[in-house]
Each structure stands twice: as C-alpha cells, then as structure tokens.
C-alpha atoms as a PDB file:
ATOM      1  CA  UNK A   1     -73.511  99.074 130.909  1.00  0.00           C
ATOM      2  CA  UNK A   2     -73.821 102.042 128.657  1.00  0.00           C
ATOM      3  CA  UNK A   3     -73.470 102.518 125.056  1.00  0.00           C
ATOM      4  CA  UNK A   4     -72.408 105.274 123.124  1.00  0.00           C
ATOM      5  CA  UNK A   5     -74.037 105.703 119.299  1.00  0.00           C
ATOM      6  CA  UNK A   6     -73.006 109.321 118.846  1.00  0.00           C
ATOM      7  CA  UNK A   7     -69.901 109.899 116.417  1.00  0.00           C
ATOM      8  CA  UNK A   8     -68.374 112.683 117.865  1.00  0.00           C
ATOM      9  CA  UNK A   9     -68.641 110.863 121.365  1.00  0.00           C
ATOM     10  CA  UNK A  10     -67.437 108.125 120.097  1.00  0.00           C
ATOM     11  CA  UNK A  11     -64.121 109.990 118.538  1.00  0.00           C
ATOM     12  CA  UNK A  12     -63.889 111.327 121.548  1.00  0.00           C
ATOM     13  CA  UNK A  13     -63.874 108.275 123.604  1.00  0.00           C
ATOM     14  CA  UNK A  14     -61.992 106.139 121.355  1.00  0.00           C
ATOM     15  CA  UNK A  15     -59.202 109.065 121.492  1.00  0.00           C
ATOM     16  CA  UNK A  16     -58.904 108.470 124.901  1.00  0.00           C
ATOM     17  CA  UNK A  17     -58.978 105.163 125.088  1.00  0.00           C
ATOM     18  CA  UNK A  18     -55.978 104.641 122.445  1.00  0.00           C
ATOM     19  CA  UNK A  19     -53.982 106.967 123.907  1.00  0.00           C
ATOM     20  CA  UNK A  20     -54.568 105.633 127.250  1.00  0.00           C
ATOM     21  CA  UNK A  21     -53.690 101.293 125.882  1.00  0.00           C
ATOM     22  CA  UNK A  22     -50.789 101.966 123.757  1.00  0.00           C
ATOM     23  CA  UNK A  23     -49.018  98.961 122.816  1.00  0.00           C
ATOM     24  CA  UNK A  24     -47.664  98.726 118.256  1.00  0.00           C
ATOM     25  CA  UNK A  25     -47.537 101.497 116.417  1.00  0.00           C
ATOM     26  CA  UNK A  26     -50.760 100.235 115.013  1.00  0.00           C
ATOM     27  CA  UNK A  27     -52.719 100.711 118.351  1.00  0.00           C
ATOM     28  CA  UNK A  28     -51.823 104.275 118.052  1.00  0.00           C
ATOM     29  CA  UNK A  29     -54.306 107.025 117.893  1.00  0.00           C
ATOM     30  CA  UNK A  30     -53.564 108.645 114.826  1.00  0.00           C
ATOM     31  CA  UNK A  31     -53.230 105.415 112.844  1.00  0.00           C
ATOM     32  CA  UNK A  32     -56.779 104.343 114.325  1.00  0.00           C
ATOM     33  CA  UNK A  33     -58.461 107.429 113.464  1.00  0.00           C
ATOM     34  CA  UNK A  34     -57.101 106.964 109.893  1.00  0.00           C
ATOM     35  CA  UNK A  35     -58.562 103.449 109.628  1.00  0.00           C
ATOM     36  CA  UNK A  36     -61.689 104.071 110.975  1.00  0.00           C
ATOM     37  CA  UNK A  37     -61.943 107.666 108.734  1.00  0.00           C
ATOM     38  CA  UNK A  38     -61.373 105.667 105.635  1.00  0.00           C
ATOM     39  CA  UNK A  39     -63.503 102.263 106.515  1.00  0.00           C
ATOM     40  CA  UNK A  40     -66.232 105.183 107.502  1.00  0.00           C
ATOM     41  CA  UNK A  41     -68.552 103.119 109.022  1.00  0.00           C
ATOM     42  CA  UNK A  42     -72.353 103.128 108.648  1.00  0.00           C
ATOM     43  CA  UNK A  43     -72.513 103.235 112.612  1.00  0.00           C
ATOM     44  CA  UNK A  44     -70.823 103.048 115.504  1.00  0.00           C
ATOM     45  CA  UNK A  45     -71.399 101.021 118.780  1.00  0.00           C
ATOM     46  CA  UNK A  46     -69.061 101.987 122.218  1.00  0.00           C
ATOM     47  CA  UNK A  47     -70.130  99.645 124.639  1.00  0.00           C
ATOM     48  CA  UNK A  48     -68.637 101.038 128.492  1.00  0.00           C
ATOM     49  CA  UNK A  49     -68.516 100.369 132.035  1.00  0.00           C
ATOM     50  CA  UNK A  50     -66.544 101.326 135.077  1.00  0.00           C
ATOM     51  CA  UNK A  51     -64.728 103.018 132.892  1.00  0.00           C
ATOM     52  CA  UNK A  52     -63.413 100.202 130.148  1.00  0.00           C
ATOM     53  CA  UNK A  53     -64.812 100.448 126.528  1.00  0.00           C
ATOM     54  CA  UNK A  54     -65.074  98.205 123.925  1.00  0.00           C
ATOM     55  CA  UNK A  55     -65.617 100.609 120.527  1.00  0.00           C
ATOM     56  CA  UNK A  56     -67.329  98.721 117.874  1.00  0.00           C
ATOM     57  CA  UNK A  57     -68.128  99.893 114.213  1.00  0.00           C
ATOM     58  CA  UNK A  58     -70.404  98.400 112.025  1.00  0.00           C
ATOM     59  CA  UNK A  59     -71.012  98.250 108.259  1.00  0.00           C
ATOM     60  CA  UNK A  60     -73.393  96.716 105.943  1.00  0.00           C
ATOM     61  CA  UNK A  61     -74.633  94.937 109.016  1.00  0.00           C
ATOM     62  CA  UNK A  62     -71.202  93.386 110.160  1.00  0.00           C
ATOM     63  CA  UNK A  63     -69.410  94.584 113.493  1.00  0.00           C
ATOM     64  CA  UNK A  64     -65.781  95.248 113.998  1.00  0.00           C
ATOM     65  CA  UNK A  65     -63.390  97.055 115.878  1.00  0.00           C
ATOM     66  CA  UNK A  66     -62.690 100.823 115.876  1.00  0.00           C
ATOM     67  CA  UNK A  67     -61.358 100.795 112.220  1.00  0.00           C
ATOM     68  CA  UNK A  68     -62.859  98.426 110.394  1.00  0.00           C
ATOM     69  CA  UNK A  69     -61.965  95.819 108.104  1.00  0.00           C
ATOM     70  CA  UNK A  70     -59.035  97.622 106.492  1.00  0.00           C
ATOM     71  CA  UNK A  71     -55.336  97.124 106.330  1.00  0.00           C
ATOM     72  CA  UNK A  72     -53.840  97.647 109.265  1.00  0.00           C
ATOM     73  CA  UNK A  73     -55.755  96.764 111.797  1.00  0.00           C
ATOM     74  CA  UNK A  74     -53.953  94.586 112.681  1.00  0.00           C
ATOM     75  CA  UNK A  75     -53.879  95.326 117.250  1.00  0.00           C
ATOM     76  CA  UNK A  76     -56.805  95.397 119.202  1.00  0.00           C
ATOM     77  CA  UNK A  77     -56.795  95.332 123.129  1.00  0.00           C
ATOM     78  CA  UNK A  78     -60.198  93.919 124.881  1.00  0.00           C
ATOM     79  CA  UNK A  79     -60.126  94.946 128.318  1.00  0.00           C
ATOM     80  CA  UNK A  80     -60.646  92.323 130.913  1.00  0.00           C
ATOM     81  CA  UNK A  81     -64.113  93.389 132.067  1.00  0.00           C
ATOM     82  CA  UNK A  82     -65.771  90.505 131.939  1.00  0.00           C
ATOM     83  CA  UNK A  83     -69.574  91.902 132.645  1.00  0.00           C
ATOM     84  CA  UNK A  84     -68.731  94.314 129.482  1.00  0.00           C
ATOM     85  CA  UNK A  85     -67.267  91.938 127.459  1.00  0.00           C
ATOM     86  CA  UNK A  86     -70.012  89.278 127.500  1.00  0.00           C
ATOM     87  CA  UNK A  87     -72.909  92.268 127.328  1.00  0.00           C
ATOM     88  CA  UNK A  88     -71.476  92.960 124.160  1.00  0.00           C
ATOM     89  CA  UNK A  89     -71.542  89.793 122.595  1.00  0.00           C
ATOM     90  CA  UNK A  90     -75.217  89.632 123.730  1.00  0.00           C
ATOM     91  CA  UNK A  91     -76.009  92.703 122.299  1.00  0.00           C
ATOM     92  CA  UNK A  92     -74.949  92.277 119.135  1.00  0.00           C
ATOM     93  CA  UNK A  93     -76.537  88.791 119.159  1.00  0.00           C
ATOM     94  CA  UNK A  94     -79.903  90.263 119.942  1.00  0.00           C
ATOM     95  CA  UNK A  95     -79.861  92.842 117.417  1.00  0.00           C
ATOM     96  CA  UNK A  96     -78.671  90.810 115.014  1.00  0.00           C
ATOM     97  CA  UNK A  97     -75.191  92.030 114.112  1.00  0.00           C
ATOM     98  CA  UNK A  98     -72.415  89.445 112.937  1.00  0.00           C
ATOM     99  CA  UNK A  99     -69.070  90.685 113.950  1.00  0.00           C
ATOM    100  CA  UNK A 100     -65.892  90.032 113.099  1.00  0.00           C
ATOM    101  CA  UNK A 101     -63.216  90.989 115.638  1.00  0.00           C
ATOM    102  CA  UNK A 102     -59.567  90.035 115.214  1.00  0.00           C
ATOM    103  CA  UNK A 103     -56.229  90.716 116.023  1.00  0.00           C
ATOM    104  CA  UNK A 104     -57.358  90.621 119.879  1.00  0.00           C
ATOM    105  CA  UNK A 105     -53.551  90.806 121.317  1.00  0.00           C
ATOM    106  CA  UNK A 106     -54.607  89.306 124.652  1.00  0.00           C
ATOM    107  CA  UNK A 107     -56.159  85.792 125.492  1.00  0.00           C
ATOM    108  CA  UNK A 108     -59.706  86.278 126.898  1.00  0.00           C
ATOM    109  CA  UNK A 109     -61.306  82.811 127.175  1.00  0.00           C
ATOM    110  CA  UNK A 110     -61.239  82.452 130.453  1.00  0.00           C
ATOM    111  CA  UNK A 111     -63.757  85.599 130.514  1.00  0.00           C
ATOM    112  CA  UNK A 112     -65.914  84.412 128.198  1.00  0.00           C
ATOM    113  CA  UNK A 113     -69.094  83.308 129.045  1.00  0.00           C
ATOM    114  CA  UNK A 114     -69.530  79.445 128.100  1.00  0.00           C
ATOM    115  CA  UNK A 115     -72.028  80.461 125.413  1.00  0.00           C
ATOM    116  CA  UNK A 116     -69.492  82.621 124.116  1.00  0.00           C
ATOM    117  CA  UNK A 117     -66.807  80.636 124.193  1.00  0.00           C
ATOM    118  CA  UNK A 118     -68.013  78.883 120.855  1.00  0.00           C
ATOM    119  CA  UNK A 119     -67.130  82.553 118.849  1.00  0.00           C
ATOM    120  CA  UNK A 120     -63.570  82.205 120.213  1.00  0.00           C
ATOM    121  CA  UNK A 121     -61.849  80.968 116.399  1.00  0.00           C
ATOM    122  CA  UNK A 122     -58.099  80.824 115.094  1.00  0.00           C
ATOM    123  CA  UNK A 123     -56.836  83.517 113.886  1.00  0.00           C
ATOM    124  CA  UNK A 124     -52.822  84.134 112.250  1.00  0.00           C
ATOM    125  CA  UNK A 125     -50.012  84.718 114.736  1.00  0.00           C
ATOM    126  CA  UNK A 126     -47.956  87.595 114.226  1.00  0.00           C
ATOM    127  CA  UNK A 127     -44.191  86.675 113.696  1.00  0.00           C
ATOM    128  CA  UNK A 128     -40.889  88.971 115.921  1.00  0.00           C
ATOM    129  CA  UNK A 129     -37.501  88.917 116.745  1.00  0.00           C
ATOM    130  CA  UNK A 130     -37.639  89.603 120.224  1.00  0.00           C
ATOM    131  CA  UNK A 131     -34.193  91.334 120.733  1.00  0.00           C
ATOM    132  CA  UNK A 132     -32.905  93.078 117.425  1.00  0.00           C
ATOM    133  CA  UNK A 133     -30.163  94.549 118.917  1.00  0.00           C
ATOM    134  CA  UNK A 134     -28.669  91.344 119.365  1.00  0.00           C
ATOM    135  CA  UNK A 135     -29.679  89.408 116.853  1.00  0.00           C
ATOM    136  CA  UNK A 136     -26.522  88.389 114.570  1.00  0.00           C
ATOM    137  CA  UNK A 137     -27.423  87.546 110.753  1.00  0.00           C
ATOM    138  CA  UNK A 138     -24.031  85.821 110.320  1.00  0.00           C
ATOM    139  CA  UNK A 139     -24.153  83.683 113.137  1.00  0.00           C
ATOM    140  CA  UNK A 140     -28.002  82.776 112.524  1.00  0.00           C
ATOM    141  CA  UNK A 141     -26.360  81.243 108.957  1.00  0.00           C
ATOM    142  CA  UNK A 142     -23.547  79.892 110.614  1.00  0.00           C
ATOM    143  CA  UNK A 143     -25.600  77.924 113.637  1.00  0.00           C
ATOM    144  CA  UNK A 144     -28.663  76.976 110.799  1.00  0.00           C
ATOM    145  CA  UNK A 145     -29.026  73.644 109.239  1.00  0.00           C
ATOM    146  CA  UNK A 146     -26.580  72.688 106.242  1.00  0.00           C
ATOM    147  CA  UNK A 147     -29.557  72.989 103.364  1.00  0.00           C
ATOM    148  CA  UNK A 148     -30.926  75.900 104.752  1.00  0.00           C
ATOM    149  CA  UNK A 149     -27.258  77.367 105.308  1.00  0.00           C
ATOM    150  CA  UNK A 150     -26.658  77.087 101.704  1.00  0.00           C
ATOM    151  CA  UNK A 151     -29.459  79.005 100.657  1.00  0.00           C
ATOM    152  CA  UNK A 152     -28.494  81.796 103.078  1.00  0.00           C
ATOM    153  CA  UNK A 153     -25.610  81.544 102.211  1.00  0.00           C
ATOM    154  CA  UNK A 154     -26.453  82.046  98.368  1.00  0.00           C
ATOM    155  CA  UNK A 155     -28.929  84.704  99.288  1.00  0.00           C
ATOM    156  CA  UNK A 156     -25.540  86.762 100.618  1.00  0.00           C
ATOM    157  CA  UNK A 157     -23.543  86.355  97.472  1.00  0.00           C
ATOM    158  CA  UNK A 158     -26.196  88.804  95.542  1.00  0.00           C
ATOM    159  CA  UNK A 159     -25.007  91.900  97.574  1.00  0.00           C
ATOM    160  CA  UNK A 160     -22.030  91.431  94.465  1.00  0.00           C
ATOM    161  CA  UNK A 161     -24.484  91.904  91.921  1.00  0.00           C
ATOM    162  CA  UNK A 162     -27.944  94.267  93.783  1.00  0.00           C
ATOM    163  CA  UNK A 163     -27.281  97.604  95.327  1.00  0.00           C
ATOM    164  CA  UNK A 164     -29.529  98.357  98.052  1.00  0.00           C
ATOM    165  CA  UNK A 165     -30.214 102.160  98.311  1.00  0.00           C
ATOM    166  CA  UNK A 166     -31.643 103.686 101.423  1.00  0.00           C
ATOM    167  CA  UNK A 167     -33.852 106.549 100.200  1.00  0.00           C
ATOM    168  CA  UNK A 168     -34.858 109.246 102.507  1.00  0.00           C
ATOM    169  CA  UNK A 169     -38.834 110.129 103.544  1.00  0.00           C
ATOM    170  CA  UNK A 170     -38.641 113.246 101.005  1.00  0.00           C
ATOM    171  CA  UNK A 171     -37.425 111.120  98.147  1.00  0.00           C
ATOM    172  CA  UNK A 172     -39.385 108.449  98.815  1.00  0.00           C
ATOM    173  CA  UNK A 173     -42.653 110.725  98.801  1.00  0.00           C
ATOM    174  CA  UNK A 174     -41.656 112.562  95.860  1.00  0.00           C
ATOM    175  CA  UNK A 175     -40.022 109.898  93.286  1.00  0.00           C
ATOM    176  CA  UNK A 176     -41.359 106.449  94.427  1.00  0.00           C
ATOM    177  CA  UNK A 177     -44.283 105.771  96.806  1.00  0.00           C
ATOM    178  CA  UNK A 178     -46.358 105.963  93.724  1.00  0.00           C
ATOM    179  CA  UNK A 179     -44.137 104.063  92.094  1.00  0.00           C
ATOM    180  CA  UNK A 180     -43.824 101.203  94.282  1.00  0.00           C
ATOM    181  CA  UNK A 181     -47.692 101.049  95.097  1.00  0.00           C
ATOM    182  CA  UNK A 182     -48.101 100.058  91.631  1.00  0.00           C
ATOM    183  CA  UNK A 183     -45.175  97.658  91.190  1.00  0.00           C
ATOM    184  CA  UNK A 184     -46.704  96.089  94.485  1.00  0.00           C
ATOM    185  CA  UNK A 185     -50.470  95.614  92.816  1.00  0.00           C
ATOM    186  CA  UNK A 186     -49.209  94.371  89.729  1.00  0.00           C
ATOM    187  CA  UNK A 187     -46.909  91.854  90.964  1.00  0.00           C
ATOM    188  CA  UNK A 188     -49.686  90.472  92.993  1.00  0.00           C
ATOM    189  CA  UNK A 189     -51.857  90.697  89.652  1.00  0.00           C
ATOM    190  CA  UNK A 190     -49.528  88.819  87.788  1.00  0.00           C
ATOM    191  CA  UNK A 191     -50.054  85.667  90.163  1.00  0.00           C
ATOM    192  CA  UNK A 192     -53.848  86.013  89.727  1.00  0.00           C
ATOM    193  CA  UNK A 193     -54.477  87.503  93.350  1.00  0.00           C
ATOM    194  CA  UNK A 194     -55.566  90.960  94.037  1.00  0.00           C
ATOM    195  CA  UNK A 195     -53.015  93.287  96.474  1.00  0.00           C
ATOM    196  CA  UNK A 196     -55.075  94.912  99.833  1.00  0.00           C
ATOM    197  CA  UNK A 197     -54.090  98.393  98.608  1.00  0.00           C
ATOM    198  CA  UNK A 198     -55.131  98.224  95.664  1.00  0.00           C
ATOM    199  CA  UNK A 199     -58.620  99.411  96.674  1.00  0.00           C
ATOM    200  CA  UNK A 200     -57.044 101.787  99.218  1.00  0.00           C
ATOM    201  CA  UNK A 201     -54.620 103.576  97.763  1.00  0.00           C
ATOM    202  CA  UNK A 202     -55.644 106.813  99.580  1.00  0.00           C
ATOM    203  CA  UNK A 203     -55.335 104.988 102.919  1.00  0.00           C
ATOM    204  CA  UNK A 204     -51.519 104.133 101.960  1.00  0.00           C
ATOM    205  CA  UNK A 205     -50.846 107.430 101.382  1.00  0.00           C
ATOM    206  CA  UNK A 206     -52.061 108.428 104.587  1.00  0.00           C
ATOM    207  CA  UNK A 207     -50.074 106.278 106.685  1.00  0.00           C
ATOM    208  CA  UNK A 208     -46.957 107.199 105.206  1.00  0.00           C
ATOM    209  CA  UNK A 209     -47.489 110.700 106.126  1.00  0.00           C
ATOM    210  CA  UNK A 210     -48.009 109.584 109.527  1.00  0.00           C
ATOM    211  CA  UNK A 211     -45.157 107.434 108.928  1.00  0.00           C
ATOM    212  CA  UNK A 212     -42.533 109.867 107.661  1.00  0.00           C
ATOM    213  CA  UNK A 213     -43.975 112.737 110.017  1.00  0.00           C
ATOM    214  CA  UNK A 214     -43.905 111.015 113.694  1.00  0.00           C
ATOM    215  CA  UNK A 215     -41.576 107.945 113.541  1.00  0.00           C
ATOM    216  CA  UNK A 216     -37.607 107.033 112.141  1.00  0.00           C
ATOM    217  CA  UNK A 217     -37.914 105.357 109.151  1.00  0.00           C
ATOM    218  CA  UNK A 218     -35.494 103.076 106.613  1.00  0.00           C
ATOM    219  CA  UNK A 219     -36.899 103.760 103.411  1.00  0.00           C
ATOM    220  CA  UNK A 220     -34.998 100.561 101.148  1.00  0.00           C
ATOM    221  CA  UNK A 221     -35.212 100.194  97.432  1.00  0.00           C
ATOM    222  CA  UNK A 222     -33.565  97.023  96.345  1.00  0.00           C
ATOM    223  CA  UNK A 223     -31.852  97.174  93.095  1.00  0.00           C
ATOM    224  CA  UNK A 224     -30.452  95.338  89.987  1.00  0.00           C
ATOM    225  CA  UNK A 225     -28.865  97.598  87.484  1.00  0.00           C
ATOM    226  CA  UNK A 226     -31.762 100.001  86.575  1.00  0.00           C
ATOM    227  CA  UNK A 227     -34.369  97.901  87.950  1.00  0.00           C
ATOM    228  CA  UNK A 228     -36.023  98.013  91.123  1.00  0.00           C
ATOM    229  CA  UNK A 229     -36.561  94.188  92.433  1.00  0.00           C
ATOM    230  CA  UNK A 230     -37.485  94.178  95.938  1.00  0.00           C
ATOM    231  CA  UNK A 231     -38.741  97.503  98.644  1.00  0.00           C
ATOM    232  CA  UNK A 232     -39.110  97.519 102.627  1.00  0.00           C
ATOM    233  CA  UNK A 233     -40.318  99.806 104.527  1.00  0.00           C
ATOM    234  CA  UNK A 234     -39.072 100.070 109.036  1.00  0.00           C
ATOM    235  CA  UNK A 235     -40.465 101.935 111.025  1.00  0.00           C
ATOM    236  CA  UNK A 236     -39.583 102.668 114.709  1.00  0.00           C
ATOM    237  CA  UNK A 237     -41.490 103.484 117.732  1.00  0.00           C
ATOM    238  CA  UNK A 238     -40.268 103.307 121.029  1.00  0.00           C
ATOM    239  CA  UNK A 239     -39.364  99.748 121.257  1.00  0.00           C
ATOM    240  CA  UNK A 240     -40.790  98.296 118.453  1.00  0.00           C
ATOM    241  CA  UNK A 241     -39.400  98.437 115.097  1.00  0.00           C
ATOM    242  CA  UNK A 242     -42.457  97.544 112.324  1.00  0.00           C
ATOM    243  CA  UNK A 243     -41.688  95.587 109.116  1.00  0.00           C
ATOM    244  CA  UNK A 244     -44.757  97.902 107.560  1.00  0.00           C
ATOM    245  CA  UNK A 245     -44.183  96.332 103.677  1.00  0.00           C
ATOM    246  CA  UNK A 246     -41.816  94.255 102.268  1.00  0.00           C
ATOM    247  CA  UNK A 247     -42.114  93.402  98.610  1.00  0.00           C
ATOM    248  CA  UNK A 248     -40.264  91.195  96.147  1.00  0.00           C
ATOM    249  CA  UNK A 249     -40.867  91.980  92.226  1.00  0.00           C
ATOM    250  CA  UNK A 250     -38.426  89.664  90.165  1.00  0.00           C
ATOM    251  CA  UNK A 251     -39.569  85.821  91.180  1.00  0.00           C
ATOM    252  CA  UNK A 252     -37.402  85.126  88.383  1.00  0.00           C
ATOM    253  CA  UNK A 253     -33.882  86.011  90.874  1.00  0.00           C
ATOM    254  CA  UNK A 254     -33.347  82.851  92.914  1.00  0.00           C
ATOM    255  CA  UNK A 255     -32.688  83.958  96.507  1.00  0.00           C
ATOM    256  CA  UNK A 256     -34.223  87.211  96.384  1.00  0.00           C
ATOM    257  CA  UNK A 257     -36.855  86.695  98.973  1.00  0.00           C
ATOM    258  CA  UNK A 258     -34.154  85.078 101.548  1.00  0.00           C
ATOM    259  CA  UNK A 259     -31.715  88.553 100.757  1.00  0.00           C
ATOM    260  CA  UNK A 260     -34.360  90.878 101.225  1.00  0.00           C
ATOM    261  CA  UNK A 261     -35.333  89.577 104.771  1.00  0.00           C
ATOM    262  CA  UNK A 262     -31.534  89.205 105.504  1.00  0.00           C
ATOM    263  CA  UNK A 263     -31.358  92.948 104.617  1.00  0.00           C
ATOM    264  CA  UNK A 264     -34.361  93.897 106.575  1.00  0.00           C
ATOM    265  CA  UNK A 265     -32.701  92.233 109.867  1.00  0.00           C
ATOM    266  CA  UNK A 266     -29.327  93.948 109.216  1.00  0.00           C
ATOM    267  CA  UNK A 267     -31.017  96.929 108.830  1.00  0.00           C
ATOM    268  CA  UNK A 268     -33.631  96.968 111.726  1.00  0.00           C
ATOM    269  CA  UNK A 269     -30.486  95.769 114.326  1.00  0.00           C
ATOM    270  CA  UNK A 270     -28.988  99.126 113.068  1.00  0.00           C
ATOM    271  CA  UNK A 271     -32.341 101.118 113.735  1.00  0.00           C
ATOM    272  CA  UNK A 272     -32.512  99.648 117.169  1.00  0.00           C
ATOM    273  CA  UNK A 273     -29.328 101.368 118.059  1.00  0.00           C
ATOM    274  CA  UNK A 274     -31.321 104.806 117.966  1.00  0.00           C
ATOM    275  CA  UNK A 275     -32.589 105.123 121.616  1.00  0.00           C
ATOM    276  CA  UNK A 276     -31.565 103.069 124.787  1.00  0.00           C
ATOM    277  CA  UNK A 277     -34.308 100.335 124.411  1.00  0.00           C
ATOM    278  CA  UNK A 278     -33.697  96.984 123.413  1.00  0.00           C
ATOM    279  CA  UNK A 279     -36.276  96.822 120.545  1.00  0.00           C
ATOM    280  CA  UNK A 280     -38.347  93.657 118.853  1.00  0.00           C
ATOM    281  CA  UNK A 281     -38.545  93.342 115.112  1.00  0.00           C
ATOM    282  CA  UNK A 282     -42.391  93.242 114.129  1.00  0.00           C
ATOM    283  CA  UNK A 283     -43.184  91.438 110.836  1.00  0.00           C
ATOM    284  CA  UNK A 284     -46.920  91.185 111.130  1.00  0.00           C
ATOM    285  CA  UNK A 285     -48.910  88.863 110.498  1.00  0.00           C
ATOM    286  CA  UNK A 286     -48.984  86.091 108.361  1.00  0.00           C
ATOM    287  CA  UNK A 287     -45.591  83.721 107.958  1.00  0.00           C
ATOM    288  CA  UNK A 288     -45.170  83.491 104.214  1.00  0.00           C
ATOM    289  CA  UNK A 289     -42.739  80.719 104.163  1.00  0.00           C
ATOM    290  CA  UNK A 290     -39.666  82.661 105.335  1.00  0.00           C
ATOM    291  CA  UNK A 291     -40.701  84.564 108.701  1.00  0.00           C
ATOM    292  CA  UNK A 292     -39.912  80.950 110.671  1.00  0.00           C
ATOM    293  CA  UNK A 293     -37.060  80.147 108.133  1.00  0.00           C
ATOM    294  CA  UNK A 294     -35.623  83.838 109.391  1.00  0.00           C
ATOM    295  CA  UNK A 295     -35.358  83.422 112.982  1.00  0.00           C
ATOM    296  CA  UNK A 296     -39.285  85.590 113.103  1.00  0.00           C
ATOM    297  CA  UNK A 297     -40.709  83.714 116.719  1.00  0.00           C
ATOM    298  CA  UNK A 298     -45.064  83.561 116.406  1.00  0.00           C
ATOM    299  CA  UNK A 299     -47.132  85.575 119.034  1.00  0.00           C
ATOM    300  CA  UNK A 300     -50.196  84.192 119.409  1.00  0.00           C
ATOM    301  CA  UNK A 301     -53.354  86.414 118.308  1.00  0.00           C
ATOM    302  CA  UNK A 302     -57.013  86.074 118.691  1.00  0.00           C
ATOM    303  CA  UNK A 303     -60.493  86.742 117.385  1.00  0.00           C
ATOM    304  CA  UNK A 304     -64.032  86.551 118.416  1.00  0.00           C
ATOM    305  CA  UNK A 305     -66.360  85.904 115.311  1.00  0.00           C
ATOM    306  CA  UNK A 306     -69.593  85.355 114.604  1.00  0.00           C
ATOM    307  CA  UNK A 307     -70.646  85.740 110.514  1.00  0.00           C
ATOM    308  CA  UNK A 308     -71.057  83.136 108.063  1.00  0.00           C
ATOM    309  CA  UNK A 309     -68.704  84.269 106.080  1.00  0.00           C
ATOM    310  CA  UNK A 310     -65.805  83.696 108.442  1.00  0.00           C
ATOM    311  CA  UNK A 311     -64.046  80.276 107.295  1.00  0.00           C
ATOM    312  CA  UNK A 312     -62.969  78.482 110.632  1.00  0.00           C
ATOM    313  CA  UNK A 313     -59.988  76.658 110.146  1.00  0.00           C
ATOM    314  CA  UNK A 314     -56.843  76.408 111.694  1.00  0.00           C
ATOM    315  CA  UNK A 315     -53.361  78.210 109.824  1.00  0.00           C
ATOM    316  CA  UNK A 316     -50.519  75.850 107.936  1.00  0.00           C
ATOM    317  CA  UNK A 317     -47.770  78.791 109.326  1.00  0.00           C
ATOM    318  CA  UNK A 318     -47.204  76.417 112.433  1.00  0.00           C
ATOM    319  CA  UNK A 319     -47.635  72.747 113.438  1.00  0.00           C
ATOM    320  CA  UNK A 320     -50.793  71.265 115.342  1.00  0.00           C
ATOM    321  CA  UNK A 321     -48.220  70.686 117.869  1.00  0.00           C
ATOM    322  CA  UNK A 322     -46.115  74.005 118.093  1.00  0.00           C
ATOM    323  CA  UNK A 323     -50.015  75.888 117.969  1.00  0.00           C
ATOM    324  CA  UNK A 324     -50.950  74.170 121.095  1.00  0.00           C
ATOM    325  CA  UNK A 325     -47.311  75.139 122.816  1.00  0.00           C
ATOM    326  CA  UNK A 326     -47.870  78.377 121.548  1.00  0.00           C
ATOM    327  CA  UNK A 327     -51.478  78.834 122.741  1.00  0.00           C
ATOM    328  CA  UNK A 328     -51.728  76.187 125.502  1.00  0.00           C
ATOM    329  CA  UNK A 329     -55.491  74.925 124.935  1.00  0.00           C
ATOM    330  CA  UNK A 330     -57.990  74.541 122.029  1.00  0.00           C
ATOM    331  CA  UNK A 331     -59.986  76.917 120.531  1.00  0.00           C
ATOM    332  CA  UNK A 332     -63.241  78.001 121.706  1.00  0.00           C
ATOM    333  CA  UNK A 333     -64.990  77.106 118.273  1.00  0.00           C
ATOM    334  CA  UNK A 334     -63.500  73.003 118.606  1.00  0.00           C
ATOM    335  CA  UNK A 335     -64.936  72.441 121.731  1.00  0.00           C
ATOM    336  CA  UNK A 336     -68.800  71.283 122.166  1.00  0.00           C
ATOM    337  CA  UNK A 337     -70.647  73.402 124.377  1.00  0.00           C
END
C-alpha cells in the first residue's frame, strides 16, 4: 500500500478515480472537487494499492472521504479491496486519527477484518422512486389507504389556489437564488434549527453554477398570490433525477408538503422523457415523514466511524423489521467481538 499526501497528486488521483467510478450526480468529479475545495482539508491521506484508491482528507484531526463533511458529500464508493480497506483503517487507528466515513453506497462488512467490524454503524438511507417514467401519481393516490388518500386529494385541490411557476436557470440566478436561500435559512431559524447552508453560501452558489451549466434542470417555485410558499429544484443526469432542494416556507398552509411532493413527482416524470433511459428519482437521505408516504423506497447506505462525537443509533425512518429486511444483517457495532 502507498500513502499519497501531496495535495496536487491527490487531486490528480481523485480526478481519475471519480471519472472512472461514476455513479450519481453527487459522485461526479466536478461536484466532489467543489466540495473538497470548500472543505479545505488540513491534510490528505490517499491510500493506493493495485490501482485501487481510498481518498481520505483530514481536518481538525478528523478524517472523511474526499469532499469532507460538506453538504452533498452523500455518495461515496469504497473499492472492494480487503487489504487496502483494512490497512487504511489500521493506519488511521495507529496514527490517532478518528474517522467518519459516511454515505458509502456498497456494503463492505464482508471484507472488514473481524476487529474492524465494530466501526460499521447505522446510517440514514436514501430514498428513491425506481421508475419515475411510469410512476402515475393519480393511480398512486387512488390506490392509497383511505386516510392518506383523503389527505392527498385535499393536497391536489391546492392546485386551485396555488400557482406553480417554472423558472429558467438564468432567471433563477438573477431573481431567486439568493432570495430562496435566505428563505430556507429563515424557515429553519423560525423552528429553532440551523440550516446546513447558512455557513456554506458560497458552496451553495457554486453547486448551482455546476448544475445549471452541465445538467437539465427544473426550477419550480410555488406561489400563493404573490408570496413564495415552497420551491424545489430537480437535476437530471443520465438516468438519475436528483431532488437537490425542496422546501416549504408556510407552515400554516395545510397539505403543502403533500402538494409539493405531488408536483415534484409530476415534474420528475416529465423530466424523465428527456432521453430514452428509464430514470429513478433520487430524493436523498432522510425520510422527513413524507418520502415514504409518497411512494419512495429506501436504499441502504453505510458508514464506518471511529469517533466519540458520533452517536450510534438506528434511525427511525423505518421500522426495525424493515431495517433488517433492507440490510439483511445487524450492524457490526452492535455485535459482540
């Protein structure tokens, strides 16, 4: 195993790695580079063996995948090289470097050495609709149980009073980008929470620049009279439609969240018609109470963590039985070794 620590050499390796291991939008090289530039690591530890790579960066004595702990560093691949992975973990441990390696999209439990299985911890799933091309929202509503069906029907009636405005990329940047970011931050503040983008405004702008230059985008803003009550952005890349942002700003308007997801699904289905591929709608991690109810299904994500700051717990988005059915195993951190 070789450990590369020179920043320029690491960037060159990362560019090759992400261009060769393309997956979702968030695994694209330009996105990863933008995240990492914003993260500004203190140190680089790129572990290389047999043309395989595990790209690690460190800040304040904590290690992460390339891109750091920035928002949207939510798709990470670990090559299935047993010696490389376990040697990487041993190096970090032996050098007193804690690590939080999250959003891993493949299960690596079977290539972890026995003593390293304890680092396998629960991590929130991402939520998708697998074939958004053929997802019919009207059929979904009609086939839902009565209680949910009634709520969804009331949400649909909001089309009579709400106006969904599709905004071009140019107009979005000119008139809405900063405004909607402020609305996101303030809506969290009103609920006593801090929005992750409040300290990452420059990154937010940089990501939109990439989205608008490279991908097909849908920017929909939902108005009640002249007031913005919700908004969302869809980004299409090959067979993926990524729900990059979705926010509601008027908590007093009943069924607004349901309405917003109904419109997201309709727009994603239309967007899927650009090209000939069957597309999936990727709504990212976290159920937030609505994705599951709107027909999204969970996709397992994994994490390897050695940090006292990390709280080990199973998330409540799905039941214990659903969790076991999805992962087909318990997490290594809960097993006695």
